[in-house]
Protein backbone atom coordinates (compact mmCIF):
# COMPACT_ATOMS: atom_id res chain seq x y z
CA MET A 1 48.54 78.71 143.12
CA ALA A 2 51.52 78.13 140.85
CA VAL A 3 54.39 80.56 141.18
CA GLY A 4 56.92 81.09 138.37
CA LEU A 5 59.02 83.62 136.55
CA VAL A 6 57.55 85.71 133.77
CA ILE A 7 59.95 87.11 131.17
CA MET A 8 59.20 90.66 130.14
CA SER A 9 60.91 93.30 128.09
CA GLU A 10 61.96 96.69 129.41
CA ARG A 11 59.06 98.35 127.55
CA GLU A 12 56.55 96.02 129.19
CA LEU A 13 57.99 96.70 132.66
CA ASN A 14 57.73 100.44 131.97
CA ARG A 15 54.06 100.01 131.00
CA ILE A 16 53.36 98.13 134.25
CA GLU A 17 54.88 100.98 136.29
CA VAL A 18 52.82 103.65 134.47
CA LEU A 19 49.57 101.63 134.66
CA SER A 20 50.13 101.11 138.39
CA GLN A 21 50.33 104.88 138.89
CA VAL A 22 47.11 105.36 136.89
CA THR A 23 45.36 102.68 138.98
CA GLN A 24 46.51 104.39 142.22
CA GLY A 25 45.21 107.74 140.96
CA ARG A 26 48.63 109.40 140.82
CA MET A 27 48.50 109.85 137.02
CA THR A 28 45.73 110.48 134.53
CA ALA A 29 45.13 108.39 131.43
CA VAL A 30 46.01 111.35 129.21
CA THR A 31 49.39 111.79 130.93
CA ALA A 32 50.02 108.01 130.72
CA ALA A 33 49.31 108.10 126.99
CA ASN A 34 51.86 110.88 126.52
CA VAL A 35 54.48 109.04 128.62
CA LEU A 36 54.01 105.69 126.82
CA GLY A 37 53.57 107.22 123.38
CA LEU A 38 50.14 105.60 122.94
CA SER A 39 46.62 106.85 122.34
CA ARG A 40 44.22 107.33 125.25
CA ARG A 41 42.01 104.53 123.90
CA GLN A 42 44.98 102.13 123.89
CA VAL A 43 45.83 103.09 127.48
CA HIS A 44 42.27 102.33 128.60
CA ARG A 45 42.44 98.94 126.88
CA LEU A 46 45.74 98.10 128.65
CA LEU A 47 44.34 99.41 131.93
CA LYS A 48 41.29 97.17 131.68
CA GLY A 49 43.40 94.06 131.17
CA PHE A 50 45.82 95.17 133.93
CA GLN A 51 42.98 95.51 136.44
CA THR A 52 41.39 92.21 135.42
CA ASP A 53 44.32 89.81 134.83
CA GLY A 54 47.15 91.60 136.61
CA PRO A 55 50.60 92.54 135.29
CA GLY A 56 50.79 89.41 133.14
CA SER A 57 48.24 90.89 130.74
CA VAL A 58 50.77 93.46 129.57
CA ARG A 59 53.06 90.71 128.33
CA HIS A 60 53.00 90.13 124.54
CA LYS A 61 50.68 87.22 123.70
CA ALA A 62 52.96 85.88 120.95
CA ARG A 63 55.91 85.45 123.30
CA GLY A 64 57.14 81.84 123.30
CA ARG A 65 55.10 80.86 120.23
CA ARG A 66 56.60 79.79 116.91
CA SER A 67 56.59 82.39 114.16
CA ASN A 68 54.07 81.98 111.37
CA ASN A 69 56.90 82.61 108.85
CA ARG A 70 59.23 80.06 110.42
CA ILE A 71 61.17 78.00 107.84
CA ASP A 72 60.72 74.26 108.13
CA PRO A 73 63.73 72.59 109.86
CA VAL A 74 63.89 70.11 106.96
CA VAL A 75 64.52 72.99 104.53
CA ARG A 76 67.24 74.34 106.80
CA GLU A 77 68.93 70.94 107.05
CA PHE A 78 68.71 70.47 103.27
CA ALA A 79 70.26 73.92 102.60
CA VAL A 80 73.12 73.35 105.04
CA THR A 81 73.78 69.92 103.51
CA LEU A 82 73.96 71.40 100.01
CA VAL A 83 76.37 74.08 101.19
CA LYS A 84 78.59 71.51 102.90
CA GLU A 85 78.70 69.27 99.82
CA ASN A 86 79.02 71.86 97.03
CA TYR A 87 79.75 75.34 98.42
CA ILE A 88 81.88 74.77 101.50
CA ASP A 89 84.23 77.67 100.68
CA PHE A 90 81.51 80.03 99.40
CA GLY A 91 80.37 83.13 101.23
CA PRO A 92 76.71 83.36 102.34
CA THR A 93 75.76 85.81 99.56
CA PHE A 94 77.29 83.72 96.76
CA ALA A 95 76.01 80.45 98.28
CA ALA A 96 72.46 81.85 98.48
CA GLU A 97 72.66 82.83 94.79
CA LYS A 98 73.85 79.34 93.80
CA LEU A 99 71.16 77.63 95.88
CA ALA A 100 68.52 79.66 94.05
CA GLU A 101 70.05 79.20 90.58
CA ASP A 102 71.07 75.53 90.68
CA HIS A 103 68.70 74.01 93.24
CA GLY A 104 65.63 76.27 93.21
CA LEU A 105 65.99 76.87 96.96
CA LYS A 106 65.41 80.54 97.78
CA VAL A 107 66.85 81.56 101.13
CA SER A 108 67.86 85.07 102.13
CA ARG A 109 71.60 85.61 102.49
CA GLU A 110 71.29 86.70 106.14
CA THR A 111 69.25 83.62 107.04
CA LEU A 112 71.79 81.42 105.29
CA ARG A 113 74.60 83.31 107.02
CA LYS A 114 73.08 82.45 110.44
CA TRP A 115 72.62 78.80 109.44
CA MET A 116 76.20 78.56 108.22
CA GLN A 117 77.52 80.16 111.41
CA ASP A 118 75.51 77.72 113.57
CA ALA A 119 76.87 74.81 111.51
CA GLY A 120 80.45 76.05 111.85
CA ILE A 121 80.85 76.63 108.08
CA TRP A 122 81.15 80.41 108.21
CA LEU A 123 82.87 82.68 110.69
CA SER A 124 81.58 86.15 111.44
CA ARG A 125 83.72 89.20 110.77
CA LYS A 126 84.48 89.41 114.48
CA GLN A 127 85.58 85.76 114.56
CA ARG A 128 87.75 86.18 111.44
CA ARG A 129 89.55 89.17 112.86
CA THR A 130 93.26 88.59 113.44
CA PHE A 131 95.37 90.36 116.00
CA HIS A 132 99.04 91.16 115.53
CA GLN A 133 100.78 91.04 118.86
CA PRO A 134 103.48 93.67 119.36
CA ARG A 135 107.05 92.47 119.05
CA LEU A 136 109.71 93.61 121.48
CA ARG A 137 112.44 95.83 120.12
CA ARG A 138 115.90 94.45 119.52
CA GLU A 139 118.35 95.25 122.27
CA CYS A 140 121.23 96.92 120.42
CA LEU A 141 121.74 99.54 117.76
CA GLY A 142 122.56 97.99 114.38
CA GLU A 143 121.16 94.57 115.24
CA LEU A 144 118.15 94.86 112.91
CA ILE A 145 117.50 97.63 110.37
CA GLN A 146 114.04 97.84 108.82
CA ILE A 147 113.99 99.11 105.23
CA ASP A 148 111.12 100.12 102.99
CA GLY A 149 110.21 102.44 100.14
CA SER A 150 107.35 104.93 100.37
CA ASP A 151 105.89 106.03 97.02
CA HIS A 152 104.15 109.36 97.61
CA ARG A 153 103.66 112.87 96.24
CA TRP A 154 106.37 114.26 98.48
CA PHE A 155 106.44 117.60 96.65
CA GLU A 156 102.62 117.76 96.39
CA ASP A 157 101.73 119.59 93.15
CA ARG A 158 105.13 121.28 92.85
CA GLY A 159 106.86 118.23 91.38
CA PRO A 160 106.31 114.64 90.21
CA PRO A 161 105.79 111.80 92.70
CA CYS A 162 108.85 109.83 93.79
CA THR A 163 109.92 107.23 96.33
CA LEU A 164 111.60 107.76 99.69
CA LEU A 165 113.83 104.89 100.84
CA VAL A 166 113.74 104.65 104.64
CA PHE A 167 116.27 102.81 106.84
CA ILE A 168 115.19 102.74 110.51
CA ASP A 169 116.81 100.98 113.46
CA ASP A 170 114.52 98.50 115.22
CA ALA A 171 116.03 99.00 118.68
CA THR A 172 115.86 102.79 118.81
CA SER A 173 113.46 103.91 116.00
CA THR A 174 116.34 106.07 114.74
CA LEU A 175 116.23 107.09 111.10
CA MET A 176 119.55 105.76 109.86
CA GLN A 177 119.25 106.75 106.19
CA LEU A 178 116.75 108.58 103.96
CA ARG A 179 117.06 108.86 100.20
CA PHE A 180 114.74 110.18 97.48
CA VAL A 181 114.80 108.02 94.33
CA THR A 182 112.68 107.66 91.23
CA SER A 183 111.36 104.22 92.18
CA GLU A 184 112.25 101.12 94.16
CA SER A 185 114.90 99.35 92.10
CA THR A 186 118.09 97.42 92.73
CA PHE A 187 120.36 100.32 91.80
CA SER A 188 118.39 102.81 93.94
CA TYR A 189 118.79 100.52 96.96
CA PHE A 190 122.47 100.10 96.12
CA GLU A 191 122.85 103.88 96.19
CA ALA A 192 121.11 104.22 99.56
CA LEU A 193 122.99 101.23 101.00
CA ASP A 194 126.33 102.71 99.94
CA LEU A 195 125.52 105.91 101.83
CA TYR A 196 124.35 103.91 104.85
CA LEU A 197 127.51 101.82 105.03
CA ALA A 198 129.73 104.88 104.68
CA ALA A 199 127.94 106.59 107.58
CA HIS A 200 127.35 103.70 110.00
CA GLY A 201 129.10 100.51 108.89
CA ARG A 202 127.65 97.05 108.36
CA PRO A 203 124.60 96.06 110.47
CA VAL A 204 123.75 92.51 111.45
CA ALA A 205 120.58 92.18 109.36
CA PHE A 206 118.06 94.07 107.25
CA TYR A 207 114.31 93.51 107.59
CA SER A 208 112.22 94.17 104.47
CA ASP A 209 109.01 93.25 102.70
CA LYS A 210 108.69 90.67 99.90
CA HIS A 211 109.57 93.09 97.11
CA THR A 212 111.43 91.35 94.30
CA VAL A 213 114.47 93.52 95.00
CA PHE A 214 114.96 91.49 98.20
CA ARG A 215 113.36 88.13 97.47
CA VAL A 216 113.14 85.78 94.49
CA ALA A 217 109.45 85.55 93.61
CA ASN A 218 109.62 82.02 92.18
CA GLN A 219 111.35 79.95 94.83
CA SER A 220 111.17 76.81 92.66
CA ALA A 221 113.01 78.38 89.72
CA LYS A 222 115.73 76.07 88.40
CA SER A 223 117.82 78.88 86.91
CA GLY A 224 119.67 81.48 88.94
CA HIS A 225 121.27 81.14 92.35
CA GLY A 226 118.18 81.57 94.55
CA MET A 227 118.93 85.18 95.53
CA THR A 228 118.43 88.61 94.06
CA GLN A 229 121.16 91.10 93.14
CA PHE A 230 120.57 92.96 96.41
CA GLY A 231 120.77 89.68 98.33
CA ARG A 232 124.02 88.81 96.54
CA ALA A 233 125.51 92.17 97.51
CA LEU A 234 124.50 91.72 101.16
CA ASN A 235 125.92 88.20 101.14
CA ALA A 236 129.24 89.58 99.89
CA LEU A 237 129.18 92.10 102.75
CA ASN A 238 128.21 89.43 105.32
CA ILE A 239 124.85 91.07 106.07
CA GLU A 240 121.68 89.00 106.48
CA ILE A 241 118.38 89.90 104.75
CA LEU A 242 115.04 88.88 106.32
CA CYS A 243 111.63 89.30 104.66
CA ALA A 244 108.52 90.08 106.71
CA ASN A 245 105.40 88.02 106.10
CA SER A 246 103.08 91.02 106.59
CA SER A 247 103.25 94.80 106.76
CA GLN A 248 102.39 94.67 110.47
CA ALA A 249 105.57 92.68 111.13
CA LYS A 250 107.69 95.66 110.08
CA GLY A 251 105.40 98.15 111.76
CA ARG A 252 108.16 100.52 112.89
CA VAL A 253 109.14 101.50 109.37
CA GLU A 254 105.47 101.58 108.29
CA ARG A 255 104.60 103.99 111.10
CA ALA A 256 107.69 106.04 110.30
CA ASN A 257 106.49 106.30 106.68
CA ARG A 258 103.13 107.59 107.86
CA THR A 259 104.80 110.21 110.06
CA LEU A 260 107.15 111.24 107.26
CA GLN A 261 104.29 111.58 104.79
CA ASP A 262 102.85 114.18 107.16
CA ARG A 263 105.84 116.02 108.61
CA LEU A 264 108.38 115.77 105.78
CA VAL A 265 105.88 116.88 103.13
CA LYS A 266 105.15 120.04 105.11
CA GLU A 267 108.81 120.65 105.85
CA LEU A 268 109.60 120.46 102.12
CA ARG A 269 106.75 122.86 101.42
CA LEU A 270 108.04 125.38 103.96
CA ALA A 271 111.55 125.08 102.52
CA GLY A 272 110.25 125.60 98.96
CA ILE A 273 111.80 122.34 97.69
CA SER A 274 110.29 120.74 94.61
CA ASP A 275 112.95 118.35 93.22
CA MET A 276 114.82 115.27 94.46
CA ASP A 277 118.32 116.77 94.41
CA ALA A 278 117.38 119.65 96.71
CA ALA A 279 115.32 117.29 98.87
CA ASN A 280 118.24 114.87 99.33
CA ALA A 281 120.42 117.80 100.40
CA PHE A 282 117.71 118.80 102.90
CA LEU A 283 117.31 115.33 104.43
CA PRO A 284 120.35 115.22 106.81
CA ALA A 285 119.18 118.26 108.80
CA PHE A 286 115.62 116.92 108.90
CA THR A 287 116.86 113.50 110.03
CA ASP A 288 118.75 115.03 112.97
CA ARG A 289 115.65 116.94 114.13
CA TYR A 290 113.47 113.85 113.72
CA ASN A 291 115.80 111.59 115.71
CA THR A 292 116.12 114.16 118.49
CA LYS A 293 112.36 114.08 118.93
CA PHE A 294 111.40 110.46 118.26
CA ALA A 295 114.47 108.23 118.80
CA LYS A 296 114.51 105.91 121.83
CA ALA A 297 117.38 104.73 123.98
CA PRO A 298 118.37 101.08 123.39
CA ARG A 299 118.16 98.55 126.19
CA ARG A 300 121.86 97.82 125.73
CA ALA A 301 124.46 100.40 124.79
CA ASN A 302 126.37 98.10 122.40
CA ASN A 303 126.66 99.20 118.78
CA LEU A 304 126.65 96.09 116.56
CA HIS A 305 127.68 97.90 113.38
CA ARG A 306 130.92 96.52 111.94
CA PRO A 307 133.54 98.45 109.94
CA MET A 308 133.57 97.99 106.17
CA ASN A 309 137.20 96.88 105.61
CA LEU A 310 136.68 96.90 101.84
CA GLU A 311 138.53 98.79 99.15
CA PRO A 312 136.50 101.23 96.99
CA ASP A 313 137.11 99.16 93.83
CA ARG A 314 135.92 96.04 95.56
CA LEU A 315 132.82 97.85 96.85
CA ARG A 316 132.04 99.06 93.32
CA ASP A 317 132.02 95.45 92.11
CA VAL A 318 129.59 94.59 94.91
CA PHE A 319 127.10 97.38 94.12
CA CYS A 320 126.46 96.39 90.52
CA PHE A 321 124.20 94.07 88.58
CA ARG A 322 126.14 90.83 88.18
CA ASP A 323 125.15 87.90 86.03
CA GLU A 324 126.59 84.93 84.12
CA ARG A 325 126.31 84.29 80.39
CA VAL A 326 127.45 81.30 78.37
CA VAL A 327 129.66 82.17 75.37
CA GLY A 328 128.47 80.84 72.03
CA PRO A 329 130.57 79.44 69.14
CA GLN A 330 130.75 82.91 67.61
CA LEU A 331 132.29 84.39 70.79
CA ALA A 332 128.99 86.19 71.48
CA PHE A 333 126.11 86.11 73.95
CA SER A 334 122.83 87.95 74.46
CA TYR A 335 122.35 90.47 77.25
CA GLU A 336 119.37 92.81 77.79
CA ARG A 337 118.24 92.56 74.14
CA LYS A 338 121.76 93.31 72.97
CA ARG A 339 124.35 91.09 71.32
CA ILE A 340 127.72 91.21 73.06
CA ILE A 341 130.58 90.12 70.78
CA LEU A 342 133.89 89.36 72.50
CA ALA A 343 137.14 90.38 70.88
CA GLU A 344 139.17 87.45 69.57
CA ASN A 345 142.45 86.88 71.41
CA GLU A 346 144.38 84.13 73.15
CA LEU A 347 142.08 84.31 76.19
CA THR A 348 138.73 84.27 74.40
CA ARG A 349 139.51 81.46 71.93
CA GLY A 350 138.90 78.92 74.68
CA LEU A 351 135.73 80.51 76.05
CA PRO A 352 132.99 79.01 73.79
CA GLY A 353 130.72 76.88 75.95
CA LYS A 354 131.96 78.49 79.18
CA TYR A 355 130.37 81.08 81.45
CA VAL A 356 131.66 84.63 81.74
CA ASP A 357 130.73 87.19 84.39
CA THR A 358 128.90 90.39 83.40
CA TYR A 359 129.02 93.58 85.47
CA ALA A 360 126.42 96.33 84.88
CA PHE A 361 127.25 99.41 86.97
CA PRO A 362 124.88 102.19 88.09
CA ASP A 363 126.62 104.77 85.89
CA GLY A 364 125.72 102.77 82.78
CA SER A 365 129.12 101.18 82.18
CA PHE A 366 129.34 97.47 81.39
CA ASP A 367 132.14 94.98 81.81
CA VAL A 368 132.71 91.33 80.88
CA ARG A 369 135.21 89.28 82.87
CA TRP A 370 136.64 85.80 82.90
CA LYS A 371 138.25 84.87 86.21
CA ASP A 372 138.41 88.57 87.17
CA VAL A 373 140.16 89.46 83.87
CA SER A 374 138.36 92.11 81.83
CA ILE A 375 137.59 91.16 78.22
CA PRO A 376 137.15 93.73 75.41
CA TYR A 377 133.87 93.50 73.51
CA SER A 378 131.60 95.24 71.04
CA VAL A 379 127.81 95.68 71.06
CA PHE A 380 125.56 94.70 68.16
CA ASP A 381 121.91 95.78 67.62
CA LYS A 382 121.59 98.00 70.66
CA ASP A 383 117.89 98.63 71.33
CA GLN A 384 116.73 100.10 74.65
CA ARG A 385 113.02 100.44 73.95
CA VAL A 386 110.51 98.96 76.39
CA THR A 387 108.93 95.94 74.72
CA HIS A 388 105.22 95.36 74.45
CA ALA A 389 103.69 93.06 77.07
CA ALA A 390 106.69 93.55 79.34
CA ILE A 391 106.16 92.53 82.95
CA THR A 392 106.48 95.57 85.18
CA GLU A 393 106.27 95.67 88.96
CA ASN A 394 103.68 97.97 90.49
CA LYS A 395 106.28 99.88 92.50
CA ARG A 396 108.27 100.69 89.34
CA LEU A 397 105.34 101.48 87.06
CA GLY A 398 105.76 105.27 87.36
CA ALA A 399 109.43 105.18 86.37
CA VAL A 400 108.73 102.82 83.46
CA LEU A 401 105.98 105.10 82.13
CA GLU A 402 108.33 108.08 82.31
CA HIS A 403 110.93 106.11 80.30
CA ILE A 404 108.29 105.12 77.74
CA LYS A 405 107.17 108.73 77.28
CA ALA A 406 110.77 109.87 76.85
CA GLU A 407 111.42 107.16 74.23
CA GLN A 408 108.20 108.03 72.38
CA ASP A 409 109.27 111.66 72.22
CA LYS A 410 112.62 110.74 70.68
CA ALA A 411 111.44 108.80 67.64
CA PRO A 412 108.36 106.99 66.32
CA PRO A 413 108.16 103.26 67.06
CA LYS A 414 109.67 100.81 64.64
CA LYS A 415 107.29 98.89 62.43
CA ARG A 416 107.12 95.33 63.73
CA CYS A 417 105.36 92.35 62.22
CA ALA A 418 102.68 90.53 64.19
CA GLY A 419 101.70 86.89 63.90
CA LYS A 420 103.42 84.23 61.84
CA GLN A 421 104.57 86.56 59.09
CA ALA A 422 107.43 84.29 58.02
CA THR A 423 105.08 81.48 56.93
CA ARG A 424 102.28 83.61 55.50
CA TYR A 425 101.66 83.22 51.73
CA GLN A 426 102.89 86.17 49.68
CA PRO A 427 101.22 86.35 46.22
CA THR A 428 103.66 86.78 43.31
CA GLY A 429 101.13 87.52 40.57
CA LYS A 430 102.20 84.48 38.52
CA ARG A 431 99.73 81.75 37.61
CA ASN A 432 100.54 78.07 37.89
CA ASN A 433 99.72 76.43 34.53
CA GLY A 434 100.21 72.92 35.89
CA TRP A 435 103.87 72.42 35.16
CA ASN A 436 104.68 72.21 38.89
CA SER A 437 101.73 70.10 39.98
CA LYS A 438 102.04 66.73 41.68
CA LEU A 439 100.85 64.93 38.56
CA ALA A 440 103.49 66.68 36.41
CA LYS A 441 106.22 65.88 38.93
CA ARG A 442 105.19 62.22 38.99
CA ALA A 443 105.22 62.02 35.17
CA LYS A 444 108.63 63.66 35.07
CA GLU A 445 110.01 61.17 37.61
CA LYS A 446 108.64 58.24 35.54
CA ALA A 447 110.23 59.61 32.39
CA GLU A 448 113.60 60.02 34.08
CA ALA A 449 113.41 56.47 35.46
CA ALA A 450 112.51 55.07 32.02
CA SER A 451 115.36 56.88 30.28
CA LYS A 452 117.80 55.69 32.92
CA HIS A 453 116.60 52.11 32.52
CA ALA A 454 116.96 52.30 28.73
CA ALA A 455 120.49 53.66 29.07
CA GLU A 456 121.47 50.71 31.21
């Protein structure tokens, strides 16, 4: 008698146990039907086979047999080959659609997904999952400061949404500086950085995201100096700027933003604050309470902040929008859709073809300098409207829309021509009677040549 293992499911083993009790007389067929969820007739049929053929009769007869709906292995191999040759980077759903449309091969997306996983073409969601390992804190205060802007309805329905600039120390999770601004811009970060430096000094490095305030989007650009205005200011202050490759990399400031969006919003509500000026005055007291509760002790007690050692006038020149413009033959250059005309004097007469430095300050003042010497100028055709099809960053969209609405309320838009208006034909109402045709011109030229020849 051959002895071997018989594979059974848990349901089949449960049926064997119940049928054994019925055979031994410890359970009736009606009770067995209630326990197994079957009819009494079905229990008698199972019991007959159990008593005749033993426990193996309970096992499903189709176990180990090929399915009647099994797809031919040739079809599977053909589908996988097509995917490898034409749709290697397609997802299973899109690949199944293309197989049906272009090749007449209808396969369900889940079947194709399993085939692609077995062939190593597609990874499951679990296999594609990435894990961000935690990074150890820096050892000293001021060694690395994470910065970010959180655009949120900080005043709920009591005021418009705005942005909170957050400076947090990586070593201690201490909030170093908070500042409410309209949006993330170069001047708003200059304002917050000025307050930070006055309170703490210069840190070793800042850690930010890839916002264009911190990083040049087009690294292959031939114009410019390869750094933003904020990066230029930090370079002048001997502070390094590092950009994170993902939001998880600067997780401390991201988690701080999430906490602030819960606690600070409610604190502002309890204080009855609904505007940025009152909120900025409220922030120092809130920051002290927050740091008392959440700040950590650094592993080393050293404070790596350095003193400023800069005069206020020099610092003002750092926290501005600096650029270079080449002076034209008319002692003028274009800047922000304006025409800057330099005053004529002994200094400016030799400037055509040379570059001058422009300084745009946060208070709206503007200065032009040549070798640190200020040059008087005048402005021609000053127009501050936002142009159509202007490229606007997502984080500044709210502020730009507010500016547009304010400009629209001031005056109606100027009528501007569209298309190639300069070359379009403008009818004069006069008819051409042939005197200016090509044939008339040719006859006139022949007559002039003949008269000239006769005169000679």
